[in-house]
Structures are given as C-alpha cells and as structure tokens.
Amino acid sequence: MWPDWRGQTAVVIAAGGSARETVSRMPWRPRAVVVNRSHELAPWADILYAADGAFWRHYAEARAFAGLKVAVTATEQEFKRHGLVRAHVDRAGHGRVLRSPVGTLGAGGNSGFQAVNLAAQLGARRVILIGFDFKGKHWHDDHAKPLRNPDPSGMLRWVGHMDAAAEQYRAWGVEIVNASPASALRAYPKVPIEEALQETIAA
C-alpha cells in the first residue's frame, strides 16, 4: 500500500501563500506529497494528504485525485467510497515525529507537519518544504465551514512544533530544506526551489 521512497528526494507542498509561485518554478518533478487543496497546484503528485474527513466531503476534485489519497478522520463509508488510505495521528506530543509504523504520524497540529513525517517514514533521504509559510493566508480562498482556516496564534504553535522536530529528522539522517521564501520556520535552511532541486541532481 505505502510506496518505497528510500534514498529519494521528495517535496511536501503545503498551502501557504508562496506555494503557487514556488511550484511554478520547479525545474523537475520529484516524489511529492500535496496537502489539502495543493493537489490543484501539483495534480501529478504521488500522495494527497488531507487528515480531515470534512475536506474529502467538501472537495469533489480531491476525491478524483489519481494518486494515493490519505485521510485520518473520514468515516468508514468514506474510506471505502473514495478509496482513501487510513493514517493515524499520535497526539501524545505535538512536536514529536514518529519513525514507525508507516502511517502512524506525529500530530504537530496540522496536516503539513504530518505529511512531512509521512515522507520521512517512506524513506525519503531529502525533503523539500514548499508553502510552509506559517503566516498570512492560504494560496487559495478560505475553506468553507465546517473546515477551519489558520489563525495567527495557531500558526505560531505550528512553527514551534515543526521547528522542534528538526533535531529528530537530523538524527534519522533525513535532510530537510525549506523552499518557502516567506516562511516563519527557523530550524531548516532556506533554499530557493531551483537550487534545492539542482543540489539533488548533483548529489
């Protein structure tokens, strides 16, 4: 069920305001996890991760995604009807990421955190963050209720959780670089997307 990305580079495309422009500049397409509506920017991605069952109920376009579709809180009927794969979120520590089993993920308060954890579990040697701004708005319009939209205090917590995970990723030998130019994250080196992917070729 889960793909094997051992030794590969993967991008995780979240929904921060910089995502659209950054994706448009990608010189080639590595393995990719897209978060929530960012599948609209990269329909070629391998995995669409959207934890909230309400997302799958609201967005018919997401249900038509051709790659692996991963959710956490959808109903049993929705998992079957929409061909979703189940992930689990461990809420014991928000800044903690999990090595195994694949698909049991650290929480981090948001789907972007969980999607990065998934890419690392699949074996990606290098993960490039796109749209991890944690400030301002999404690149798309606000979600309609009952879906939630980020607020400044929530994003501040997410930054803390994401930065706290950096040491664990380093210990695992997973290199994470941040191609989100406006990002509030501090624990990951910022690299333009062209340079990040060019370095992958050179390696």
Protein backbone atom coordinates (compact mmCIF):
# COMPACT_ATOMS: atom_id res chain seq x y z
CA MET A 1 0.00 0.00 0.00
CA TRP A 2 2.69 2.51 1.02
CA PRO A 3 5.31 3.40 -1.62
CA ASP A 4 9.04 2.92 -1.07
CA TRP A 5 10.95 6.20 -1.39
CA ARG A 6 14.21 5.06 0.17
CA GLY A 7 17.10 7.30 -0.84
CA GLN A 8 14.93 9.64 -2.91
CA THR A 9 14.10 13.35 -2.77
CA ALA A 10 10.52 14.35 -2.02
CA VAL A 11 8.73 17.67 -1.91
CA VAL A 12 5.89 18.33 0.51
CA ILE A 13 3.61 21.04 -0.84
CA ALA A 14 1.53 22.77 1.83
CA ALA A 15 -0.94 25.61 1.31
CA GLY A 16 0.98 28.71 2.36
CA GLY A 17 0.71 31.78 0.17
CA SER A 18 4.07 31.16 -1.52
CA ALA A 19 3.17 27.68 -2.76
CA ARG A 20 1.68 28.58 -6.16
CA GLU A 21 4.66 30.63 -7.30
CA THR A 22 7.21 28.15 -5.92
CA VAL A 23 5.59 25.16 -7.63
CA SER A 24 5.54 27.07 -10.93
CA ARG A 25 9.35 27.41 -10.72
CA MET A 26 10.13 23.75 -10.11
CA PRO A 27 12.61 22.61 -12.80
CA TRP A 28 11.54 18.96 -12.49
CA ARG A 29 9.09 16.81 -10.57
CA PRO A 30 10.39 14.67 -7.72
CA ARG A 31 8.28 12.47 -5.49
CA ALA A 32 5.62 14.63 -3.89
CA VAL A 33 3.07 14.78 -1.09
CA VAL A 34 0.48 17.52 -1.51
CA VAL A 35 -1.51 18.82 1.44
CA ASN A 36 -5.23 19.58 1.14
CA ARG A 37 -6.01 21.84 -1.83
CA SER A 38 -2.40 21.99 -3.02
CA HIS A 39 -3.18 18.98 -5.20
CA GLU A 40 -4.61 21.64 -7.53
CA LEU A 41 -1.08 23.03 -7.96
CA ALA A 42 0.54 19.62 -8.49
CA PRO A 43 -2.02 17.11 -9.78
CA TRP A 44 0.95 14.91 -10.76
CA ALA A 45 1.88 14.33 -7.10
CA ASP A 46 2.13 10.83 -5.68
CA ILE A 47 0.15 11.37 -2.48
CA LEU A 48 -2.62 13.71 -1.36
CA TYR A 49 -2.68 14.02 2.42
CA ALA A 50 -5.76 15.59 4.00
CA ALA A 51 -6.39 14.48 7.56
CA ASP A 52 -9.87 15.94 7.98
CA GLY A 53 -12.80 13.88 6.74
CA ALA A 54 -14.72 17.11 6.10
CA PHE A 55 -12.17 18.02 3.42
CA TRP A 56 -13.00 14.89 1.43
CA ARG A 57 -16.71 15.52 1.78
CA HIS A 58 -16.40 19.13 0.57
CA TYR A 59 -13.94 18.84 -2.34
CA ALA A 60 -15.04 16.51 -5.12
CA GLU A 61 -11.87 17.35 -7.09
CA ALA A 62 -9.76 15.87 -4.31
CA ARG A 63 -11.73 12.64 -4.42
CA ALA A 64 -10.79 12.36 -8.12
CA PHE A 65 -7.03 12.64 -7.37
CA ALA A 66 -5.19 9.90 -9.25
CA GLY A 67 -2.51 9.13 -6.66
CA LEU A 68 -2.68 7.76 -3.14
CA LYS A 69 -5.32 9.55 -1.04
CA VAL A 70 -4.63 9.59 2.70
CA ALA A 71 -7.00 10.66 5.48
CA VAL A 72 -7.34 10.33 9.23
CA THR A 73 -10.87 11.21 10.40
CA ALA A 74 -13.10 10.19 7.49
CA THR A 75 -15.90 7.71 8.18
CA GLU A 76 -15.55 4.03 7.33
CA GLN A 77 -18.01 4.52 4.48
CA GLU A 78 -15.97 7.43 3.10
CA PHE A 79 -12.74 5.44 3.24
CA LYS A 80 -14.35 2.76 1.10
CA ARG A 81 -16.35 5.00 -1.24
CA HIS A 82 -13.50 7.40 -2.03
CA GLY A 83 -10.63 4.91 -1.99
CA LEU A 84 -8.88 6.59 0.94
CA VAL A 85 -5.96 5.09 2.83
CA ARG A 86 -6.08 5.42 6.60
CA ALA A 87 -3.37 7.19 8.58
CA HIS A 88 -3.27 7.59 12.34
CA VAL A 89 -2.11 10.61 14.33
CA ASP A 90 -0.41 10.18 17.70
CA ARG A 91 -1.31 13.24 19.76
CA ALA A 92 0.99 12.40 22.68
CA GLY A 93 3.49 15.12 21.77
CA HIS A 94 2.83 17.78 19.15
CA GLY A 95 6.48 18.41 18.31
CA ARG A 96 7.34 14.71 18.13
CA VAL A 97 7.58 12.78 14.88
CA LEU A 98 7.39 9.00 14.63
CA ARG A 99 9.71 6.68 12.73
CA SER A 100 7.31 3.74 12.53
CA PRO A 101 4.94 2.19 11.77
CA VAL A 102 4.41 3.90 8.44
CA GLY A 103 1.19 5.88 8.51
CA THR A 104 1.21 6.50 12.28
CA LEU A 105 2.31 10.11 12.45
CA GLY A 106 3.18 12.84 14.89
CA ALA A 107 0.45 15.44 15.24
CA GLY A 108 2.08 18.86 15.04
CA GLY A 109 -1.35 20.48 14.98
CA ASN A 110 -1.58 20.49 11.18
CA SER A 111 -1.55 18.31 8.07
CA GLY A 112 1.70 19.79 6.75
CA PHE A 113 3.61 18.52 9.79
CA GLN A 114 2.04 15.10 9.36
CA ALA A 115 2.79 14.99 5.63
CA VAL A 116 6.50 15.66 6.23
CA ASN A 117 6.55 12.87 8.81
CA LEU A 118 4.97 10.56 6.23
CA ALA A 119 7.55 11.42 3.55
CA ALA A 120 10.35 10.64 6.01
CA GLN A 121 8.71 7.36 7.01
CA LEU A 122 8.56 6.34 3.36
CA GLY A 123 12.34 6.63 3.25
CA ALA A 124 12.93 9.98 1.57
CA ARG A 125 16.55 10.98 2.11
CA ARG A 126 15.85 14.62 1.36
CA VAL A 127 12.59 16.53 1.88
CA ILE A 128 11.95 19.98 0.41
CA LEU A 129 9.27 22.13 2.05
CA ILE A 130 7.04 24.23 -0.22
CA GLY A 131 4.27 26.51 1.04
CA PHE A 132 5.29 26.17 4.70
CA ASP A 133 4.89 29.90 5.32
CA PHE A 134 3.00 29.73 8.64
CA LYS A 135 1.99 33.35 8.18
CA GLY A 136 -0.71 35.13 6.20
CA LYS A 137 -3.31 33.19 4.24
CA HIS A 138 -3.50 30.14 2.05
CA TRP A 139 -2.64 30.45 -1.63
CA HIS A 140 -6.33 29.65 -2.23
CA ASP A 141 -9.58 31.10 -0.89
CA ASP A 142 -10.59 30.35 2.68
CA HIS A 143 -12.18 26.98 3.33
CA ALA A 144 -15.93 27.00 3.87
CA LYS A 145 -17.30 25.85 7.24
CA PRO A 146 -17.07 23.36 8.89
CA LEU A 147 -13.47 23.32 7.64
CA ARG A 148 -11.17 25.57 9.62
CA ASN A 149 -8.74 28.22 8.43
CA PRO A 150 -5.46 29.08 10.19
CA ASP A 151 -5.20 31.94 12.64
CA PRO A 152 -2.02 33.71 13.81
CA SER A 153 -1.91 32.08 17.24
CA GLY A 154 -2.41 28.62 15.76
CA MET A 155 0.31 29.16 13.18
CA LEU A 156 2.70 30.29 15.90
CA ARG A 157 2.14 26.97 17.68
CA TRP A 158 2.67 25.08 14.42
CA VAL A 159 6.01 26.82 13.90
CA GLY A 160 7.10 25.67 17.35
CA HIS A 161 6.07 22.08 16.67
CA MET A 162 7.74 21.98 13.26
CA ASP A 163 10.98 23.53 14.46
CA ALA A 164 11.06 21.15 17.43
CA ALA A 165 11.03 18.16 15.05
CA ALA A 166 14.18 19.25 13.20
CA GLU A 167 16.57 17.50 15.58
CA GLN A 168 14.76 14.19 15.20
CA TYR A 169 14.93 14.37 11.42
CA ARG A 170 18.66 15.09 11.56
CA ALA A 171 19.14 12.09 13.86
CA TRP A 172 17.35 9.92 11.30
CA GLY A 173 19.64 11.17 8.53
CA VAL A 174 16.81 12.98 6.74
CA GLU A 175 17.85 16.32 5.25
CA ILE A 176 15.05 18.88 5.22
CA VAL A 177 15.38 22.19 3.39
CA ASN A 178 12.82 24.96 3.22
CA ALA A 179 11.95 26.37 -0.21
CA SER A 180 9.20 28.58 1.27
CA PRO A 181 10.72 32.07 0.93
CA ALA A 182 8.37 33.79 3.41
CA SER A 183 8.49 31.01 5.99
CA ALA A 184 8.42 31.65 9.73
CA LEU A 185 10.32 28.40 10.36
CA ARG A 186 13.84 28.82 11.74
CA ALA A 187 15.21 25.29 12.10
CA TYR A 188 15.52 24.39 8.40
CA PRO A 189 17.87 26.05 5.91
CA LYS A 190 16.08 28.20 3.33
CA VAL A 191 16.99 27.35 -0.25
CA PRO A 192 15.31 28.55 -3.48
CA ILE A 193 13.44 25.70 -5.13
CA GLU A 194 15.66 25.74 -8.23
CA GLU A 195 18.77 25.40 -6.08
CA ALA A 196 17.22 22.74 -3.86
CA LEU A 197 16.36 20.52 -6.80
CA GLN A 198 19.64 21.23 -8.58
CA GLU A 199 21.53 20.11 -5.48
CA THR A 200 19.52 16.89 -5.59
CA ILE A 201 20.73 16.20 -9.14
CA ALA A 202 24.32 16.94 -8.13
CA ALA A 203 24.10 14.57 -5.17
